[in-house]
Amino acid sequence: MQTSVRSLDLAAARDPAFQADVERESGQTLASCYQCGNCTAGCVYTPDYDFPVHQVMRLVQLGLREQALSCRSIWLCATCQACTTRCPNNIDVAKVMDVLRHMARRAGHAPEANVKTFADSFLSSVAKHGRVFEAGLAAVFAIKSGKPMQDAGLGLPMLTRGKLAFLPHEPEGNGKAEVAAIFARFGRFAADKSRAEAGDSAKPSDTTEDSK
């Protein structure tokens, strides 16, 4: 049986600025990656990835923005630093994966919806209370994920062991305000970045209009 193979037009798919964008946000020199595979060999999540870590790095090197930002791997990465520790060229691979996840968020990619839902719920809890409110986080995630009973069996054991509280335990003093200030500062940074990226994407069309 002959299997049809879809050819990939690299010239059409390539975004020459992608590697530079990732390098700028991560502070890493991705050209130093020579595909030795040590990062993939040390990653316990490789069986669950659609692209192993070294291939994600290669997608970035090739400028394949859409393929890199829409893959599941960057959302399943636990940032355990095993890849970073193993890299012979001292590339912080885990940081690159983290940057790709942030870029994917901005581009609207979230193939692992529950991972994003948990992260969003966690950050929302910290922003509201100054530290995570575990019981509230568990309830919000259960509802938003569409699986309200998925962790119900853990509730009573965690309560009896003092791992869950019915009320949030917020920081004393200025702690809550300081955490809120961090989120506000990041919000301004993200808004400025979005405006800058929107301006960059508009430049080619503006130029085209001016040339007509």
N, C-alpha and C. Protein backbone atom coordinates (compact mmCIF):
# COMPACT_ATOMS: atom_id res chain seq x y z
N MET A 1 0.84 -1.19 0.00
CA MET A 1 0.00 0.00 0.00
C MET A 1 0.88 1.24 0.00
N GLN A 2 0.63 2.12 -0.94
CA GLN A 2 1.45 3.31 -1.06
C GLN A 2 0.83 4.45 -0.25
N THR A 3 1.65 5.08 0.58
CA THR A 3 1.19 6.18 1.41
C THR A 3 1.53 7.51 0.76
N SER A 4 0.53 8.36 0.66
CA SER A 4 0.78 9.67 0.06
C SER A 4 1.48 10.57 1.06
N VAL A 5 2.48 11.29 0.62
CA VAL A 5 3.25 12.18 1.48
C VAL A 5 3.04 13.61 1.00
N ARG A 6 2.60 14.46 1.92
CA ARG A 6 2.37 15.85 1.56
C ARG A 6 3.67 16.62 1.67
N SER A 7 4.06 17.25 0.58
CA SER A 7 5.31 18.00 0.57
C SER A 7 5.14 19.30 1.34
N LEU A 8 6.20 19.75 1.96
CA LEU A 8 6.19 20.99 2.73
C LEU A 8 7.01 22.03 2.00
N ASP A 9 6.37 23.13 1.67
CA ASP A 9 7.06 24.23 1.00
C ASP A 9 7.71 25.10 2.05
N LEU A 10 8.99 24.81 2.35
CA LEU A 10 9.68 25.53 3.41
C LEU A 10 9.80 27.02 3.10
N ALA A 11 10.00 27.34 1.83
CA ALA A 11 10.17 28.74 1.45
C ALA A 11 8.92 29.54 1.77
N ALA A 12 7.77 28.94 1.52
CA ALA A 12 6.51 29.64 1.77
C ALA A 12 6.17 29.67 3.26
N ALA A 13 6.55 28.61 4.00
CA ALA A 13 6.19 28.50 5.41
C ALA A 13 7.13 29.27 6.32
N ARG A 14 8.33 29.59 5.84
CA ARG A 14 9.35 30.19 6.70
C ARG A 14 9.04 31.62 7.07
N ASP A 15 9.31 31.95 8.33
CA ASP A 15 9.27 33.32 8.81
C ASP A 15 10.69 33.65 9.27
N PRO A 16 11.45 34.37 8.46
CA PRO A 16 12.86 34.62 8.78
C PRO A 16 13.07 35.34 10.11
N ALA A 17 12.05 36.05 10.59
CA ALA A 17 12.21 36.83 11.82
C ALA A 17 11.91 36.00 13.07
N PHE A 18 11.39 34.78 12.90
CA PHE A 18 10.93 34.01 14.05
C PHE A 18 12.05 33.67 15.01
N GLN A 19 13.16 33.15 14.50
CA GLN A 19 14.27 32.79 15.37
C GLN A 19 14.78 34.01 16.14
N ALA A 20 14.89 35.14 15.45
CA ALA A 20 15.35 36.37 16.11
C ALA A 20 14.37 36.80 17.20
N ASP A 21 13.08 36.64 16.96
CA ASP A 21 12.07 37.00 17.96
C ASP A 21 12.21 36.14 19.21
N VAL A 22 12.40 34.83 19.00
CA VAL A 22 12.55 33.91 20.14
C VAL A 22 13.84 34.21 20.90
N GLU A 23 14.91 34.48 20.16
CA GLU A 23 16.20 34.78 20.80
C GLU A 23 16.10 36.06 21.63
N ARG A 24 15.40 37.05 21.11
CA ARG A 24 15.28 38.32 21.82
C ARG A 24 14.50 38.15 23.12
N GLU A 25 13.43 37.37 23.11
CA GLU A 25 12.62 37.19 24.31
C GLU A 25 13.27 36.23 25.31
N SER A 26 14.00 35.25 24.81
CA SER A 26 14.58 34.23 25.71
C SER A 26 16.01 34.57 26.15
N GLY A 27 16.68 35.42 25.36
CA GLY A 27 18.08 35.73 25.66
C GLY A 27 19.02 34.59 25.32
N GLN A 28 18.58 33.64 24.49
CA GLN A 28 19.39 32.48 24.13
C GLN A 28 19.85 32.58 22.67
N THR A 29 20.99 31.97 22.38
CA THR A 29 21.51 31.92 21.02
C THR A 29 21.14 30.58 20.41
N LEU A 30 20.06 30.55 19.64
CA LEU A 30 19.53 29.28 19.15
C LEU A 30 20.36 28.69 18.02
N ALA A 31 21.19 29.51 17.38
CA ALA A 31 22.06 28.98 16.34
C ALA A 31 23.09 28.01 16.92
N SER A 32 23.29 28.07 18.24
CA SER A 32 24.25 27.16 18.89
C SER A 32 23.72 25.73 18.98
N CYS A 33 22.43 25.54 18.79
CA CYS A 33 21.85 24.20 18.86
C CYS A 33 22.23 23.41 17.61
N TYR A 34 22.94 22.29 17.78
CA TYR A 34 23.34 21.48 16.62
C TYR A 34 22.63 20.12 16.62
N GLN A 35 21.47 20.07 17.29
CA GLN A 35 20.60 18.89 17.21
C GLN A 35 21.25 17.61 17.73
N CYS A 36 21.93 17.71 18.87
CA CYS A 36 22.55 16.52 19.45
C CYS A 36 21.51 15.57 20.05
N GLY A 37 20.36 16.13 20.46
CA GLY A 37 19.28 15.31 21.00
C GLY A 37 19.36 15.06 22.49
N ASN A 38 20.32 15.68 23.20
CA ASN A 38 20.42 15.47 24.64
C ASN A 38 19.18 15.96 25.38
N CYS A 39 18.60 17.04 24.89
CA CYS A 39 17.40 17.58 25.55
C CYS A 39 16.25 16.58 25.47
N THR A 40 16.08 15.99 24.30
CA THR A 40 15.01 15.00 24.11
C THR A 40 15.28 13.75 24.94
N ALA A 41 16.55 13.33 25.00
CA ALA A 41 16.90 12.12 25.76
C ALA A 41 16.61 12.27 27.24
N GLY A 42 16.68 13.50 27.76
CA GLY A 42 16.46 13.72 29.18
C GLY A 42 15.05 14.11 29.54
N CYS A 43 14.17 14.24 28.55
CA CYS A 43 12.81 14.72 28.80
C CYS A 43 11.86 13.54 29.04
N VAL A 44 11.24 13.50 30.22
CA VAL A 44 10.36 12.38 30.55
C VAL A 44 9.02 12.47 29.82
N TYR A 45 8.72 13.64 29.24
CA TYR A 45 7.44 13.81 28.55
C TYR A 45 7.53 13.54 27.06
N THR A 46 8.69 13.15 26.57
CA THR A 46 8.87 12.91 25.14
C THR A 46 7.79 12.00 24.55
N PRO A 47 7.39 10.89 25.23
CA PRO A 47 6.36 10.03 24.63
C PRO A 47 5.02 10.72 24.41
N ASP A 48 4.77 11.82 25.14
CA ASP A 48 3.50 12.52 25.02
C ASP A 48 3.56 13.72 24.07
N TYR A 49 4.76 14.07 23.64
CA TYR A 49 4.93 15.24 22.76
C TYR A 49 4.59 14.89 21.32
N ASP A 50 4.08 15.88 20.57
CA ASP A 50 3.95 15.68 19.12
C ASP A 50 5.27 15.98 18.43
N PHE A 51 6.08 16.90 19.00
CA PHE A 51 7.44 17.15 18.54
C PHE A 51 8.37 17.04 19.74
N PRO A 52 9.38 16.16 19.71
CA PRO A 52 10.34 16.14 20.81
C PRO A 52 11.08 17.47 20.89
N VAL A 53 11.73 17.72 22.03
CA VAL A 53 12.30 19.05 22.29
C VAL A 53 13.27 19.49 21.21
N HIS A 54 14.17 18.60 20.79
CA HIS A 54 15.16 19.03 19.80
C HIS A 54 14.50 19.40 18.48
N GLN A 55 13.37 18.77 18.16
CA GLN A 55 12.66 19.14 16.93
C GLN A 55 11.94 20.48 17.08
N VAL A 56 11.47 20.78 18.29
CA VAL A 56 10.89 22.11 18.53
C VAL A 56 11.96 23.18 18.29
N MET A 57 13.16 22.92 18.79
CA MET A 57 14.26 23.86 18.57
C MET A 57 14.56 24.01 17.07
N ARG A 58 14.46 22.91 16.36
CA ARG A 58 14.73 22.95 14.92
C ARG A 58 13.64 23.72 14.18
N LEU A 59 12.39 23.59 14.60
CA LEU A 59 11.31 24.36 14.00
C LEU A 59 11.59 25.86 14.11
N VAL A 60 12.12 26.25 15.28
CA VAL A 60 12.44 27.67 15.49
C VAL A 60 13.58 28.07 14.55
N GLN A 61 14.61 27.24 14.47
CA GLN A 61 15.74 27.55 13.59
C GLN A 61 15.31 27.68 12.14
N LEU A 62 14.34 26.89 11.73
CA LEU A 62 13.87 26.93 10.34
C LEU A 62 12.87 28.07 10.10
N GLY A 63 12.47 28.75 11.18
CA GLY A 63 11.53 29.85 11.02
C GLY A 63 10.10 29.40 10.81
N LEU A 64 9.78 28.18 11.24
CA LEU A 64 8.42 27.66 11.06
C LEU A 64 7.55 28.06 12.25
N ARG A 65 7.15 29.31 12.25
CA ARG A 65 6.44 29.91 13.38
C ARG A 65 5.14 29.17 13.71
N GLU A 66 4.29 28.96 12.72
CA GLU A 66 2.99 28.36 12.98
C GLU A 66 3.13 26.95 13.53
N GLN A 67 4.04 26.17 12.95
CA GLN A 67 4.22 24.79 13.41
C GLN A 67 4.73 24.76 14.85
N ALA A 68 5.65 25.67 15.18
CA ALA A 68 6.21 25.69 16.53
C ALA A 68 5.18 26.15 17.56
N LEU A 69 4.43 27.20 17.22
CA LEU A 69 3.51 27.78 18.20
C LEU A 69 2.20 27.01 18.33
N SER A 70 1.91 26.15 17.38
CA SER A 70 0.66 25.38 17.45
C SER A 70 0.88 23.95 17.94
N CYS A 71 2.12 23.58 18.30
CA CYS A 71 2.37 22.21 18.74
C CYS A 71 1.96 22.02 20.20
N ARG A 72 1.69 20.78 20.58
CA ARG A 72 1.28 20.44 21.94
C ARG A 72 2.45 20.47 22.92
N SER A 73 3.64 20.22 22.40
CA SER A 73 4.81 20.01 23.26
C SER A 73 5.08 21.18 24.19
N ILE A 74 4.97 22.41 23.69
CA ILE A 74 5.31 23.56 24.51
C ILE A 74 4.33 23.75 25.67
N TRP A 75 3.12 23.18 25.56
CA TRP A 75 2.14 23.27 26.63
C TRP A 75 2.30 22.14 27.64
N LEU A 76 2.86 21.02 27.22
CA LEU A 76 3.05 19.89 28.12
C LEU A 76 4.36 19.98 28.89
N CYS A 77 5.26 20.84 28.45
CA CYS A 77 6.56 21.01 29.10
C CYS A 77 6.37 21.45 30.55
N ALA A 78 7.03 20.76 31.49
CA ALA A 78 6.91 21.06 32.92
C ALA A 78 7.99 22.01 33.41
N THR A 79 8.86 22.49 32.51
CA THR A 79 9.96 23.38 32.85
C THR A 79 10.80 22.79 33.99
N CYS A 80 11.09 21.50 33.89
CA CYS A 80 11.85 20.81 34.94
C CYS A 80 13.35 21.07 34.83
N GLN A 81 13.78 21.68 33.71
CA GLN A 81 15.18 22.06 33.49
C GLN A 81 16.10 20.91 33.11
N ALA A 82 15.54 19.70 32.90
CA ALA A 82 16.39 18.58 32.51
C ALA A 82 17.07 18.86 31.16
N CYS A 83 16.32 19.44 30.23
CA CYS A 83 16.88 19.76 28.91
C CYS A 83 17.98 20.81 29.03
N THR A 84 17.74 21.81 29.86
CA THR A 84 18.73 22.88 30.05
C THR A 84 20.01 22.32 30.65
N THR A 85 19.86 21.45 31.64
CA THR A 85 21.02 20.87 32.31
C THR A 85 21.86 20.03 31.36
N ARG A 86 21.23 19.36 30.41
CA ARG A 86 21.92 18.45 29.51
C ARG A 86 22.53 19.14 28.28
N CYS A 87 22.13 20.37 28.01
CA CYS A 87 22.59 21.02 26.77
C CYS A 87 24.09 21.29 26.80
N PRO A 88 24.86 20.75 25.85
CA PRO A 88 26.32 20.96 25.87
C PRO A 88 26.72 22.38 25.50
N ASN A 89 25.81 23.15 24.93
CA ASN A 89 26.12 24.52 24.54
C ASN A 89 25.49 25.55 25.47
N ASN A 90 25.04 25.09 26.63
CA ASN A 90 24.51 25.97 27.67
C ASN A 90 23.32 26.81 27.21
N ILE A 91 22.49 26.24 26.36
CA ILE A 91 21.24 26.91 25.98
C ILE A 91 20.19 26.59 27.04
N ASP A 92 19.51 27.61 27.51
CA ASP A 92 18.43 27.39 28.47
C ASP A 92 17.20 26.96 27.67
N VAL A 93 17.15 25.68 27.34
CA VAL A 93 16.09 25.15 26.48
C VAL A 93 14.73 25.31 27.14
N ALA A 94 14.67 25.10 28.45
CA ALA A 94 13.40 25.24 29.17
C ALA A 94 12.86 26.66 29.06
N LYS A 95 13.75 27.64 29.07
CA LYS A 95 13.31 29.03 28.92
C LYS A 95 12.78 29.28 27.52
N VAL A 96 13.41 28.66 26.52
CA VAL A 96 12.93 28.78 25.14
C VAL A 96 11.52 28.21 25.03
N MET A 97 11.29 27.05 25.64
CA MET A 97 9.96 26.44 25.62
C MET A 97 8.94 27.35 26.31
N ASP A 98 9.36 27.98 27.40
CA ASP A 98 8.47 28.88 28.12
C ASP A 98 8.12 30.10 27.26
N VAL A 99 9.12 30.65 26.58
CA VAL A 99 8.89 31.79 25.69
C VAL A 99 7.96 31.41 24.55
N LEU A 100 8.15 30.23 23.99
CA LEU A 100 7.27 29.78 22.91
C LEU A 100 5.83 29.66 23.40
N ARG A 101 5.65 29.22 24.64
CA ARG A 101 4.29 29.12 25.20
C ARG A 101 3.66 30.50 25.32
N HIS A 102 4.43 31.48 25.75
CA HIS A 102 3.91 32.85 25.85
C HIS A 102 3.58 33.39 24.46
N MET A 103 4.44 33.12 23.49
CA MET A 103 4.19 33.58 22.13
C MET A 103 2.94 32.90 21.56
N ALA A 104 2.76 31.62 21.89
CA ALA A 104 1.58 30.88 21.42
C ALA A 104 0.31 31.50 22.01
N ARG A 105 0.37 31.88 23.28
CA ARG A 105 -0.78 32.54 23.91
C ARG A 105 -1.16 33.80 23.13
N ARG A 106 -0.17 34.61 22.84
CA ARG A 106 -0.45 35.87 22.16
C ARG A 106 -0.99 35.63 20.75
N ALA A 107 -0.57 34.52 20.15
CA ALA A 107 -1.03 34.19 18.80
C ALA A 107 -2.37 33.46 18.80
N GLY A 108 -2.86 33.13 19.99
CA GLY A 108 -4.17 32.47 20.09
C GLY A 108 -4.13 30.96 19.95
N HIS A 109 -2.94 30.35 20.13
CA HIS A 109 -2.81 28.89 20.05
C HIS A 109 -2.86 28.28 21.44
N ALA A 110 -3.71 27.29 21.64
CA ALA A 110 -3.77 26.56 22.91
C ALA A 110 -4.29 25.16 22.66
N PRO A 111 -3.47 24.29 22.02
CA PRO A 111 -3.92 22.94 21.71
C PRO A 111 -4.20 22.08 22.94
N GLU A 112 -3.56 22.42 24.07
CA GLU A 112 -3.84 21.73 25.34
C GLU A 112 -4.66 22.68 26.21
N ALA A 113 -5.96 22.70 25.96
CA ALA A 113 -6.83 23.71 26.59
C ALA A 113 -6.83 23.63 28.11
N ASN A 114 -6.79 22.42 28.68
CA ASN A 114 -6.85 22.29 30.13
C ASN A 114 -5.58 22.81 30.81
N VAL A 115 -4.45 22.69 30.13
CA VAL A 115 -3.20 23.23 30.69
C VAL A 115 -3.32 24.75 30.79
N LYS A 116 -3.80 25.36 29.73
CA LYS A 116 -3.99 26.82 29.74
C LYS A 116 -5.04 27.23 30.77
N THR A 117 -6.11 26.46 30.87
CA THR A 117 -7.17 26.77 31.84
C THR A 117 -6.63 26.72 33.27
N PHE A 118 -5.82 25.71 33.57
CA PHE A 118 -5.25 25.61 34.93
C PHE A 118 -4.31 26.77 35.20
N ALA A 119 -3.44 27.10 34.23
CA ALA A 119 -2.50 28.20 34.41
C ALA A 119 -3.24 29.52 34.62
N ASP A 120 -4.27 29.75 33.81
CA ASP A 120 -5.05 30.98 33.93
C ASP A 120 -5.76 31.05 35.29
N SER A 121 -6.31 29.92 35.73
CA SER A 121 -7.03 29.88 37.01
C SER A 121 -6.06 30.10 38.18
N PHE A 122 -4.88 29.51 38.08
CA PHE A 122 -3.86 29.68 39.12
C PHE A 122 -3.45 31.14 39.24
N LEU A 123 -3.13 31.77 38.10
CA LEU A 123 -2.69 33.16 38.13
C LEU A 123 -3.81 34.09 38.59
N SER A 124 -5.03 33.79 38.20
CA SER A 124 -6.17 34.60 38.63
C SER A 124 -6.33 34.53 40.16
N SER A 125 -6.13 33.35 40.73
CA SER A 125 -6.23 33.19 42.17
C SER A 125 -5.14 33.99 42.89
N VAL A 126 -3.92 33.92 42.38
CA VAL A 126 -2.81 34.67 43.00
C VAL A 126 -3.05 36.17 42.88
N ALA A 127 -3.53 36.62 41.71
CA ALA A 127 -3.79 38.04 41.50
C ALA A 127 -4.86 38.55 42.46
N LYS A 128 -5.85 37.72 42.74
CA LYS A 128 -6.97 38.13 43.59
C LYS A 128 -6.63 38.10 45.08
N HIS A 129 -5.89 37.07 45.50
CA HIS A 129 -5.67 36.86 46.93
C HIS A 129 -4.24 37.15 47.39
N GLY A 130 -3.31 37.37 46.47
CA GLY A 130 -1.92 37.59 46.86
C GLY A 130 -1.13 36.30 46.95
N ARG A 131 -1.79 35.20 47.03
CA ARG A 131 -1.19 33.85 46.96
C ARG A 131 -2.33 32.91 46.55
N VAL A 132 -1.97 31.71 46.13
CA VAL A 132 -2.99 30.83 45.60
C VAL A 132 -3.94 30.35 46.70
N PHE A 133 -5.23 30.37 46.40
CA PHE A 133 -6.27 29.83 47.29
C PHE A 133 -6.63 28.46 46.73
N GLU A 134 -6.08 27.40 47.33
CA GLU A 134 -6.13 26.07 46.75
C GLU A 134 -7.55 25.56 46.51
N ALA A 135 -8.41 25.71 47.51
CA ALA A 135 -9.78 25.21 47.36
C ALA A 135 -10.51 25.95 46.25
N GLY A 136 -10.33 27.26 46.19
CA GLY A 136 -10.95 28.05 45.14
C GLY A 136 -10.41 27.68 43.77
N LEU A 137 -9.09 27.48 43.68
CA LEU A 137 -8.47 27.08 42.43
C LEU A 137 -9.03 25.74 41.95
N ALA A 138 -9.12 24.77 42.87
CA ALA A 138 -9.63 23.44 42.51
C ALA A 138 -11.07 23.53 41.99
N ALA A 139 -11.89 24.36 42.65
CA ALA A 139 -13.29 24.50 42.24
C ALA A 139 -13.41 25.17 40.88
N VAL A 140 -12.65 26.26 40.68
CA VAL A 140 -12.72 26.99 39.41
C VAL A 140 -12.23 26.12 38.26
N PHE A 141 -11.11 25.43 38.48
CA PHE A 141 -10.57 24.58 37.41
C PHE A 141 -11.51 23.44 37.08
N ALA A 142 -12.12 22.85 38.10
CA ALA A 142 -13.05 21.74 37.87
C ALA A 142 -14.22 22.18 37.00
N ILE A 143 -14.72 23.39 37.27
CA ILE A 143 -15.85 23.90 36.50
C ILE A 143 -15.43 24.27 35.08
N LYS A 144 -14.33 25.02 34.96
CA LYS A 144 -13.90 25.49 33.64
C LYS A 144 -13.43 24.36 32.74
N SER A 145 -12.88 23.31 33.33
CA SER A 145 -12.40 22.18 32.53
C SER A 145 -13.54 21.28 32.09
N GLY A 146 -14.73 21.49 32.66
CA GLY A 146 -15.88 20.65 32.30
C GLY A 146 -15.87 19.29 32.97
N LYS A 147 -15.04 19.14 34.03
CA LYS A 147 -14.96 17.87 34.74
C LYS A 147 -15.09 18.15 36.24
N PRO A 148 -16.28 18.52 36.68
CA PRO A 148 -16.45 18.98 38.07
C PRO A 148 -16.14 17.93 39.13
N MET A 149 -16.18 16.65 38.80
CA MET A 149 -15.96 15.61 39.80
C MET A 149 -14.61 14.92 39.67
N GLN A 150 -13.74 15.46 38.81
CA GLN A 150 -12.51 14.74 38.51
C GLN A 150 -11.60 14.55 39.74
N ASP A 151 -11.58 15.50 40.67
CA ASP A 151 -10.72 15.38 41.85
C ASP A 151 -11.52 15.29 43.15
N ALA A 152 -12.79 14.94 43.03
CA ALA A 152 -13.65 14.93 44.21
C ALA A 152 -13.13 13.97 45.28
N GLY A 153 -12.55 12.86 44.87
CA GLY A 153 -12.07 11.88 45.83
C GLY A 153 -10.89 12.36 46.65
N LEU A 154 -10.22 13.43 46.21
CA LEU A 154 -9.06 13.94 46.95
C LEU A 154 -9.45 14.98 47.99
N GLY A 155 -10.69 15.49 47.89
CA GLY A 155 -11.10 16.59 48.75
C GLY A 155 -11.01 16.29 50.24
N LEU A 156 -11.67 15.23 50.67
CA LEU A 156 -11.70 14.90 52.10
C LEU A 156 -10.31 14.58 52.65
N PRO A 157 -9.52 13.72 51.99
CA PRO A 157 -8.17 13.46 52.53
C PRO A 157 -7.32 14.73 52.65
N MET A 158 -7.44 15.64 51.68
CA MET A 158 -6.65 16.87 51.74
C MET A 158 -7.13 17.78 52.86
N LEU A 159 -8.46 17.83 53.07
CA LEU A 159 -9.00 18.65 54.16
C LEU A 159 -8.55 18.12 55.52
N THR A 160 -8.61 16.81 55.71
CA THR A 160 -8.24 16.22 57.00
C THR A 160 -6.74 16.36 57.29
N ARG A 161 -5.95 16.52 56.25
CA ARG A 161 -4.50 16.68 56.44
C ARG A 161 -4.08 18.15 56.42
N GLY A 162 -5.05 19.04 56.39
CA GLY A 162 -4.74 20.46 56.43
C GLY A 162 -4.16 21.02 55.16
N LYS A 163 -4.38 20.34 54.03
CA LYS A 163 -3.85 20.79 52.75
C LYS A 163 -4.79 21.74 52.03
N LEU A 164 -6.04 21.79 52.48
CA LEU A 164 -7.02 22.69 51.88
C LEU A 164 -7.69 23.49 52.99
N ALA A 165 -7.99 24.74 52.69
CA ALA A 165 -8.72 25.59 53.63
C ALA A 165 -9.95 26.15 52.93
N PHE A 166 -11.02 26.33 53.69
CA PHE A 166 -12.26 26.84 53.10
C PHE A 166 -12.16 28.33 52.78
N LEU A 167 -11.26 29.03 53.48
CA LEU A 167 -11.09 30.47 53.25
C LEU A 167 -9.65 30.75 52.80
N PRO A 168 -9.47 31.77 51.95
CA PRO A 168 -8.10 32.09 51.49
C PRO A 168 -7.24 32.63 52.63
N HIS A 169 -5.97 32.28 52.62
CA HIS A 169 -5.01 32.78 53.61
C HIS A 169 -4.13 33.81 52.90
N GLU A 170 -4.53 35.07 52.98
CA GLU A 170 -3.86 36.12 52.21
C GLU A 170 -2.63 36.63 52.95
N PRO A 171 -1.64 37.18 52.23
CA PRO A 171 -0.43 37.69 52.87
C PRO A 171 -0.73 38.84 53.83
N GLU A 172 0.09 38.96 54.84
CA GLU A 172 -0.08 40.04 55.80
C GLU A 172 0.61 41.31 55.30
N GLY A 173 0.28 42.42 55.90
CA GLY A 173 0.92 43.68 55.56
C GLY A 173 0.63 44.12 54.13
N ASN A 174 1.70 44.52 53.43
CA ASN A 174 1.56 45.02 52.05
C ASN A 174 1.73 43.91 51.02
N GLY A 175 1.79 42.66 51.48
CA GLY A 175 2.06 41.56 50.55
C GLY A 175 1.07 41.47 49.41
N LYS A 176 -0.22 41.57 49.72
CA LYS A 176 -1.24 41.46 48.69
C LYS A 176 -1.13 42.60 47.69
N ALA A 177 -0.89 43.82 48.18
CA ALA A 177 -0.75 44.98 47.29
C ALA A 177 0.49 44.85 46.41
N GLU A 178 1.56 44.32 46.96
CA GLU A 178 2.79 44.15 46.19
C GLU A 178 2.60 43.14 45.05
N VAL A 179 1.89 42.07 45.35
CA VAL A 179 1.59 41.08 44.30
C VAL A 179 0.70 41.69 43.23
N ALA A 180 -0.30 42.47 43.66
CA ALA A 180 -1.19 43.13 42.70
C ALA A 180 -0.41 44.08 41.80
N ALA A 181 0.59 44.75 42.37
CA ALA A 181 1.42 45.67 41.58
C ALA A 181 2.23 44.91 40.52
N ILE A 182 2.67 43.71 40.85
CA ILE A 182 3.40 42.89 39.88
C ILE A 182 2.50 42.55 38.70
N PHE A 183 1.28 42.14 38.99
CA PHE A 183 0.34 41.80 37.91
C PHE A 183 0.00 43.04 37.08
N ALA A 184 -0.16 44.18 37.73
CA ALA A 184 -0.46 45.41 36.99
C ALA A 184 0.70 45.79 36.09
N ARG A 185 1.92 45.63 36.59
CA ARG A 185 3.11 45.95 35.79
C ARG A 185 3.22 45.03 34.58
N PHE A 186 2.94 43.76 34.79
CA PHE A 186 2.97 42.83 33.67
C PHE A 186 1.87 43.14 32.67
N GLY A 187 0.70 43.54 33.17
CA GLY A 187 -0.40 43.89 32.28
C GLY A 187 -0.03 45.04 31.36
N ARG A 188 0.65 46.05 31.91
CA ARG A 188 1.10 47.18 31.08
C ARG A 188 2.14 46.74 30.06
N PHE A 189 3.05 45.86 30.51
CA PHE A 189 4.09 45.35 29.60
C PHE A 189 3.46 44.57 28.45
N ALA A 190 2.49 43.71 28.77
CA ALA A 190 1.84 42.90 27.74
C ALA A 190 1.07 43.78 26.76
N ALA A 191 0.41 44.82 27.28
CA ALA A 191 -0.34 45.72 26.41
C ALA A 191 0.60 46.48 25.47
N ASP A 192 1.73 46.95 26.01
CA ASP A 192 2.70 47.66 25.17
C ASP A 192 3.26 46.74 24.10
N LYS A 193 3.51 45.49 24.47
CA LYS A 193 4.06 44.53 23.51
C LYS A 193 3.06 44.22 22.41
N SER A 194 1.79 44.08 22.79
CA SER A 194 0.75 43.79 21.80
C SER A 194 0.61 44.95 20.81
N ARG A 195 0.69 46.17 21.34
CA ARG A 195 0.60 47.33 20.46
C ARG A 195 1.79 47.40 19.51
N ALA A 196 2.98 47.08 20.04
CA ALA A 196 4.18 47.09 19.21
C ALA A 196 4.10 46.04 18.11
N GLU A 197 3.63 44.83 18.47
CA GLU A 197 3.51 43.76 17.47
C GLU A 197 2.45 44.10 16.44
N ALA A 198 1.36 44.73 16.87
CA ALA A 198 0.32 45.14 15.93
C ALA A 198 0.85 46.19 14.97
N GLY A 199 1.69 47.08 15.47
CA GLY A 199 2.29 48.09 14.61
C GLY A 199 3.24 47.49 13.60
N ASP A 200 4.03 46.49 14.03
CA ASP A 200 4.96 45.83 13.11
C ASP A 200 4.22 45.09 12.01
N SER A 201 3.12 44.43 12.37
CA SER A 201 2.38 43.66 11.38
C SER A 201 1.67 44.57 10.39
N ALA A 202 1.42 45.81 10.80
CA ALA A 202 0.71 46.74 9.92
C ALA A 202 1.65 47.44 8.94
N LYS A 203 2.95 47.44 9.24
CA LYS A 203 3.89 48.18 8.40
C LYS A 203 3.92 47.73 6.94
N PRO A 204 3.97 46.42 6.63
CA PRO A 204 4.01 46.02 5.23
C PRO A 204 2.81 46.49 4.44
N SER A 205 1.60 46.40 5.05
CA SER A 205 0.41 46.82 4.33
C SER A 205 0.39 48.32 4.15
N ASP A 206 0.91 49.08 5.16
CA ASP A 206 0.98 50.53 5.02
C ASP A 206 1.89 50.90 3.87
N THR A 207 3.03 50.18 3.82
CA THR A 207 3.98 50.45 2.74
C THR A 207 3.37 50.17 1.40
N THR A 208 2.61 49.04 1.34
CA THR A 208 1.97 48.67 0.08
C THR A 208 0.98 49.73 -0.35
N GLU A 209 0.22 50.26 0.62
CA GLU A 209 -0.76 51.27 0.30
C GLU A 209 -0.09 52.55 -0.20
N ASP A 210 1.05 52.89 0.44
CA ASP A 210 1.74 54.11 0.04
C ASP A 210 2.31 54.01 -1.35
N SER A 211 2.67 52.79 -1.77
CA SER A 211 3.32 52.60 -3.04
C SER A 211 2.33 52.58 -4.20
N LYS A 212 1.03 52.45 -3.87
CA LYS A 212 0.04 52.38 -4.94
C LYS A 212 -0.20 53.74 -5.56
